[in-house]
């Protein structure tokens, strides 16, 4: 092999190593940013001590505490799993999530479904691989209703 070809191959290998390193850094940064956002949102939540006897905070409409269900549609190995929640659900791999999905493509805290102002919305929490709603990328909080499909990693979830 000529010296110039060897030099080009070395440069390509070095570039590949740097690109891999940058991809890992980006994934770690996205995970840390998502955890920070969720922690900040949790800090704004109403503590249980200030809720009234009905379990609803003063000044908060009852519809914000509405109950909902998420059913796993795909993959076939998890299809039919049902997750019930009230007011808000975090979807992710972390054990503390309301909807726990064991999939390497799902972030620890991947997405959130929450009832605000009487309607349900879904938002991505800075996940590495993104969230889809009816095959469209979720960039901001987007309204969701019964029959809509949310995809995180290889799992498709339906709000019922």
C-alpha atoms as a PDB file:
ATOM      1  CA  UNK A   1       0.000   0.000   0.000  1.00  0.00           C
ATOM      2  CA  UNK A   2       1.153   3.489  -0.700  1.00  0.00           C
ATOM      3  CA  UNK A   3       1.862   5.907   2.116  1.00  0.00           C
ATOM      4  CA  UNK A   4      -0.845   8.322   0.973  1.00  0.00           C
ATOM      5  CA  UNK A   5      -3.537   5.591   1.028  1.00  0.00           C
ATOM      6  CA  UNK A   6      -2.424   4.526   4.485  1.00  0.00           C
ATOM      7  CA  UNK A   7      -2.664   8.129   5.676  1.00  0.00           C
ATOM      8  CA  UNK A   8      -6.207   8.479   4.292  1.00  0.00           C
ATOM      9  CA  UNK A   9      -7.287   5.245   6.019  1.00  0.00           C
ATOM     10  CA  UNK A  10      -5.823   6.438   9.324  1.00  0.00           C
ATOM     11  CA  UNK A  11      -7.676   9.741   9.053  1.00  0.00           C
ATOM     12  CA  UNK A  12     -10.948   7.927   8.278  1.00  0.00           C
ATOM     13  CA  UNK A  13     -10.475   5.640  11.270  1.00  0.00           C
ATOM     14  CA  UNK A  14      -9.756   8.601  13.536  1.00  0.00           C
ATOM     15  CA  UNK A  15     -12.838  10.429  12.242  1.00  0.00           C
ATOM     16  CA  UNK A  16     -14.968   7.339  12.918  1.00  0.00           C
ATOM     17  CA  UNK A  17     -13.658   7.113  16.494  1.00  0.00           C
ATOM     18  CA  UNK A  18     -14.443  10.805  17.109  1.00  0.00           C
ATOM     19  CA  UNK A  19     -17.947  10.508  15.619  1.00  0.00           C
ATOM     20  CA  UNK A  20     -18.684   7.508  17.852  1.00  0.00           C
ATOM     21  CA  UNK A  21     -17.445   9.413  20.892  1.00  0.00           C
ATOM     22  CA  UNK A  22     -19.616  12.431  20.024  1.00  0.00           C
ATOM     23  CA  UNK A  23     -22.684  10.197  19.584  1.00  0.00           C
ATOM     24  CA  UNK A  24     -22.153   8.720  23.066  1.00  0.00           C
ATOM     25  CA  UNK A  25     -21.764  12.209  24.558  1.00  0.00           C
ATOM     26  CA  UNK A  26     -24.981  13.346  22.847  1.00  0.00           C
ATOM     27  CA  UNK A  27     -26.918  10.373  24.258  1.00  0.00           C
ATOM     28  CA  UNK A  28     -25.601  11.011  27.791  1.00  0.00           C
ATOM     29  CA  UNK A  29     -26.400  14.725  27.496  1.00  0.00           C
ATOM     30  CA  UNK A  30     -29.982  13.969  26.361  1.00  0.00           C
ATOM     31  CA  UNK A  31     -30.510  11.592  29.325  1.00  0.00           C
ATOM     32  CA  UNK A  32     -29.199  14.146  31.812  1.00  0.00           C
ATOM     33  CA  UNK A  33     -31.279  16.940  30.316  1.00  0.00           C
ATOM     34  CA  UNK A  34     -34.448  14.793  30.436  1.00  0.00           C
ATOM     35  CA  UNK A  35     -33.878  13.922  34.099  1.00  0.00           C
ATOM     36  CA  UNK A  36     -33.354  17.613  34.906  1.00  0.00           C
ATOM     37  CA  UNK A  37     -36.620  18.620  33.171  1.00  0.00           C
ATOM     38  CA  UNK A  38     -38.587  15.928  34.958  1.00  0.00           C
ATOM     39  CA  UNK A  39     -37.071  16.934  38.307  1.00  0.00           C
ATOM     40  CA  UNK A  40     -38.013  20.565  37.671  1.00  0.00           C
ATOM     41  CA  UNK A  41     -41.575  19.581  36.713  1.00  0.00           C
ATOM     42  CA  UNK A  42     -41.855  17.434  39.839  1.00  0.00           C
ATOM     43  CA  UNK A  43     -40.777  20.376  41.975  1.00  0.00           C
ATOM     44  CA  UNK A  44     -43.753  22.332  40.622  1.00  0.00           C
ATOM     45  CA  UNK A  45     -46.224  19.559  41.475  1.00  0.00           C
ATOM     46  CA  UNK A  46     -48.689  20.169  44.304  1.00  0.00           C
ATOM     47  CA  UNK A  47     -47.626  18.328  47.478  1.00  0.00           C
ATOM     48  CA  UNK A  48     -50.097  15.855  48.933  1.00  0.00           C
ATOM     49  CA  UNK A  49     -50.230  17.858  52.177  1.00  0.00           C
ATOM     50  CA  UNK A  50     -52.065  20.771  50.512  1.00  0.00           C
ATOM     51  CA  UNK A  51     -54.763  18.681  48.887  1.00  0.00           C
ATOM     52  CA  UNK A  52     -58.253  18.856  50.294  1.00  0.00           C
ATOM     53  CA  UNK A  53     -60.188  15.953  51.780  1.00  0.00           C
ATOM     54  CA  UNK A  54     -61.325  14.969  48.294  1.00  0.00           C
ATOM     55  CA  UNK A  55     -57.699  14.515  47.237  1.00  0.00           C
ATOM     56  CA  UNK A  56     -57.935  17.446  44.826  1.00  0.00           C
ATOM     57  CA  UNK A  57     -55.832  20.545  45.386  1.00  0.00           C
ATOM     58  CA  UNK A  58     -57.653  23.823  46.041  1.00  0.00           C
ATOM     59  CA  UNK A  59     -58.047  25.792  42.800  1.00  0.00           C
ATOM     60  CA  UNK A  60     -57.397  22.742  40.588  1.00  0.00           C
ATOM     61  CA  UNK A  61     -60.260  21.583  38.417  1.00  0.00           C
ATOM     62  CA  UNK A  62     -61.414  17.994  38.904  1.00  0.00           C
ATOM     63  CA  UNK A  63     -60.889  17.138  35.222  1.00  0.00           C
ATOM     64  CA  UNK A  64     -57.132  17.632  35.674  1.00  0.00           C
ATOM     65  CA  UNK A  65     -57.193  14.593  37.956  1.00  0.00           C
ATOM     66  CA  UNK A  66     -59.047  12.468  35.377  1.00  0.00           C
ATOM     67  CA  UNK A  67     -58.183   8.789  35.105  1.00  0.00           C
ATOM     68  CA  UNK A  68     -56.853   7.287  31.892  1.00  0.00           C
ATOM     69  CA  UNK A  69     -55.551   3.991  30.563  1.00  0.00           C
ATOM     70  CA  UNK A  70     -52.739   3.192  28.180  1.00  0.00           C
ATOM     71  CA  UNK A  71     -52.761  -0.152  26.369  1.00  0.00           C
ATOM     72  CA  UNK A  72     -49.668  -1.601  24.706  1.00  0.00           C
ATOM     73  CA  UNK A  73     -50.490  -2.432  21.067  1.00  0.00           C
ATOM     74  CA  UNK A  74     -47.061  -3.590  19.854  1.00  0.00           C
ATOM     75  CA  UNK A  75     -44.786  -5.543  20.010  1.00  0.00           C
ATOM     76  CA  UNK A  76     -46.715  -8.782  20.280  1.00  0.00           C
ATOM     77  CA  UNK A  77     -44.721  -9.886  23.342  1.00  0.00           C
ATOM     78  CA  UNK A  78     -46.115  -6.961  25.393  1.00  0.00           C
ATOM     79  CA  UNK A  79     -49.429  -6.399  23.577  1.00  0.00           C
ATOM     80  CA  UNK A  80     -52.446  -6.165  25.836  1.00  0.00           C
ATOM     81  CA  UNK A  81     -50.585  -4.768  28.861  1.00  0.00           C
ATOM     82  CA  UNK A  82     -52.701  -2.068  30.492  1.00  0.00           C
ATOM     83  CA  UNK A  83     -51.423   0.856  32.567  1.00  0.00           C
ATOM     84  CA  UNK A  84     -53.939   2.943  34.513  1.00  0.00           C
ATOM     85  CA  UNK A  85     -53.008   6.350  35.914  1.00  0.00           C
ATOM     86  CA  UNK A  86     -54.517   9.545  37.208  1.00  0.00           C
ATOM     87  CA  UNK A  87     -53.618  13.034  36.000  1.00  0.00           C
ATOM     88  CA  UNK A  88     -50.129  12.276  34.685  1.00  0.00           C
ATOM     89  CA  UNK A  89     -47.977   9.359  33.540  1.00  0.00           C
ATOM     90  CA  UNK A  90     -44.263   9.242  32.809  1.00  0.00           C
ATOM     91  CA  UNK A  91     -43.315   6.655  30.184  1.00  0.00           C
ATOM     92  CA  UNK A  92     -39.810   5.217  30.400  1.00  0.00           C
ATOM     93  CA  UNK A  93     -37.404   2.508  31.561  1.00  0.00           C
ATOM     94  CA  UNK A  94     -36.951   3.791  35.126  1.00  0.00           C
ATOM     95  CA  UNK A  95     -38.712   1.777  37.854  1.00  0.00           C
ATOM     96  CA  UNK A  96     -40.480   4.903  39.170  1.00  0.00           C
ATOM     97  CA  UNK A  97     -42.342   5.567  35.915  1.00  0.00           C
ATOM     98  CA  UNK A  98     -46.085   4.940  35.723  1.00  0.00           C
ATOM     99  CA  UNK A  99     -45.588   3.173  32.373  1.00  0.00           C
ATOM    100  CA  UNK A 100     -42.404   1.081  32.568  1.00  0.00           C
ATOM    101  CA  UNK A 101     -41.113  -0.216  29.222  1.00  0.00           C
ATOM    102  CA  UNK A 102     -38.164  -2.595  29.118  1.00  0.00           C
ATOM    103  CA  UNK A 103     -36.616  -1.522  25.817  1.00  0.00           C
ATOM    104  CA  UNK A 104     -33.048  -0.275  25.271  1.00  0.00           C
ATOM    105  CA  UNK A 105     -34.349   2.331  22.797  1.00  0.00           C
ATOM    106  CA  UNK A 106     -36.534   3.927  25.510  1.00  0.00           C
ATOM    107  CA  UNK A 107     -34.932   6.555  27.760  1.00  0.00           C
ATOM    108  CA  UNK A 108     -35.192   6.360  31.545  1.00  0.00           C
ATOM    109  CA  UNK A 109     -37.818   9.106  31.420  1.00  0.00           C
ATOM    110  CA  UNK A 110     -38.878   9.180  27.794  1.00  0.00           C
ATOM    111  CA  UNK A 111     -42.258  10.904  27.501  1.00  0.00           C
ATOM    112  CA  UNK A 112     -45.103  12.263  29.599  1.00  0.00           C
ATOM    113  CA  UNK A 113     -48.872  12.105  29.184  1.00  0.00           C
ATOM    114  CA  UNK A 114     -50.683  14.699  31.305  1.00  0.00           C
ATOM    115  CA  UNK A 115     -54.171  16.179  31.590  1.00  0.00           C
ATOM    116  CA  UNK A 116     -54.090  19.979  31.471  1.00  0.00           C
ATOM    117  CA  UNK A 117     -57.101  22.210  31.118  1.00  0.00           C
ATOM    118  CA  UNK A 118     -59.386  19.238  30.598  1.00  0.00           C
ATOM    119  CA  UNK A 119     -57.465  17.717  27.692  1.00  0.00           C
ATOM    120  CA  UNK A 120     -54.704  15.150  27.490  1.00  0.00           C
ATOM    121  CA  UNK A 121     -51.327  16.052  25.987  1.00  0.00           C
ATOM    122  CA  UNK A 122     -48.174  14.055  25.285  1.00  0.00           C
ATOM    123  CA  UNK A 123     -44.667  15.510  25.329  1.00  0.00           C
ATOM    124  CA  UNK A 124     -41.198  14.144  24.772  1.00  0.00           C
ATOM    125  CA  UNK A 125     -38.906  14.585  27.779  1.00  0.00           C
ATOM    126  CA  UNK A 126     -35.714  15.037  25.761  1.00  0.00           C
ATOM    127  CA  UNK A 127     -35.391  11.364  24.878  1.00  0.00           C
ATOM    128  CA  UNK A 128     -32.525  10.153  22.736  1.00  0.00           C
ATOM    129  CA  UNK A 129     -34.682   8.387  20.127  1.00  0.00           C
ATOM    130  CA  UNK A 130     -37.727  10.664  20.201  1.00  0.00           C
ATOM    131  CA  UNK A 131     -41.453  10.064  20.579  1.00  0.00           C
ATOM    132  CA  UNK A 132     -44.022   9.631  17.812  1.00  0.00           C
ATOM    133  CA  UNK A 133     -47.736  10.428  17.957  1.00  0.00           C
ATOM    134  CA  UNK A 134     -49.665   8.763  15.126  1.00  0.00           C
ATOM    135  CA  UNK A 135     -46.368   8.386  13.193  1.00  0.00           C
ATOM    136  CA  UNK A 136     -45.433  12.073  13.614  1.00  0.00           C
ATOM    137  CA  UNK A 137     -42.507  13.308  15.690  1.00  0.00           C
ATOM    138  CA  UNK A 138     -43.514  14.993  18.955  1.00  0.00           C
ATOM    139  CA  UNK A 139     -41.490  18.217  19.237  1.00  0.00           C
ATOM    140  CA  UNK A 140     -43.696  20.074  21.745  1.00  0.00           C
ATOM    141  CA  UNK A 141     -46.667  19.138  23.912  1.00  0.00           C
ATOM    142  CA  UNK A 142     -49.343  17.800  21.540  1.00  0.00           C
ATOM    143  CA  UNK A 143     -52.999  17.015  22.255  1.00  0.00           C
ATOM    144  CA  UNK A 144     -53.852  13.329  22.415  1.00  0.00           C
ATOM    145  CA  UNK A 145     -57.181  11.545  22.673  1.00  0.00           C
ATOM    146  CA  UNK A 146     -58.700   8.077  22.757  1.00  0.00           C
ATOM    147  CA  UNK A 147     -57.419   5.945  19.893  1.00  0.00           C
ATOM    148  CA  UNK A 148     -54.247   7.967  19.324  1.00  0.00           C
ATOM    149  CA  UNK A 149     -51.042   5.927  19.209  1.00  0.00           C
ATOM    150  CA  UNK A 150     -47.834   6.974  20.930  1.00  0.00           C
ATOM    151  CA  UNK A 151     -44.622   5.201  19.922  1.00  0.00           C
ATOM    152  CA  UNK A 152     -41.579   5.087  22.193  1.00  0.00           C
ATOM    153  CA  UNK A 153     -38.731   2.862  21.039  1.00  0.00           C
ATOM    154  CA  UNK A 154     -40.249  -0.278  19.551  1.00  0.00           C
ATOM    155  CA  UNK A 155     -43.437  -0.032  21.642  1.00  0.00           C
ATOM    156  CA  UNK A 156     -46.728   1.394  20.405  1.00  0.00           C
ATOM    157  CA  UNK A 157     -49.128   2.567  23.104  1.00  0.00           C
ATOM    158  CA  UNK A 158     -52.766   3.574  22.704  1.00  0.00           C
ATOM    159  CA  UNK A 159     -54.636   5.942  24.991  1.00  0.00           C
ATOM    160  CA  UNK A 160     -58.113   4.625  25.823  1.00  0.00           C
END
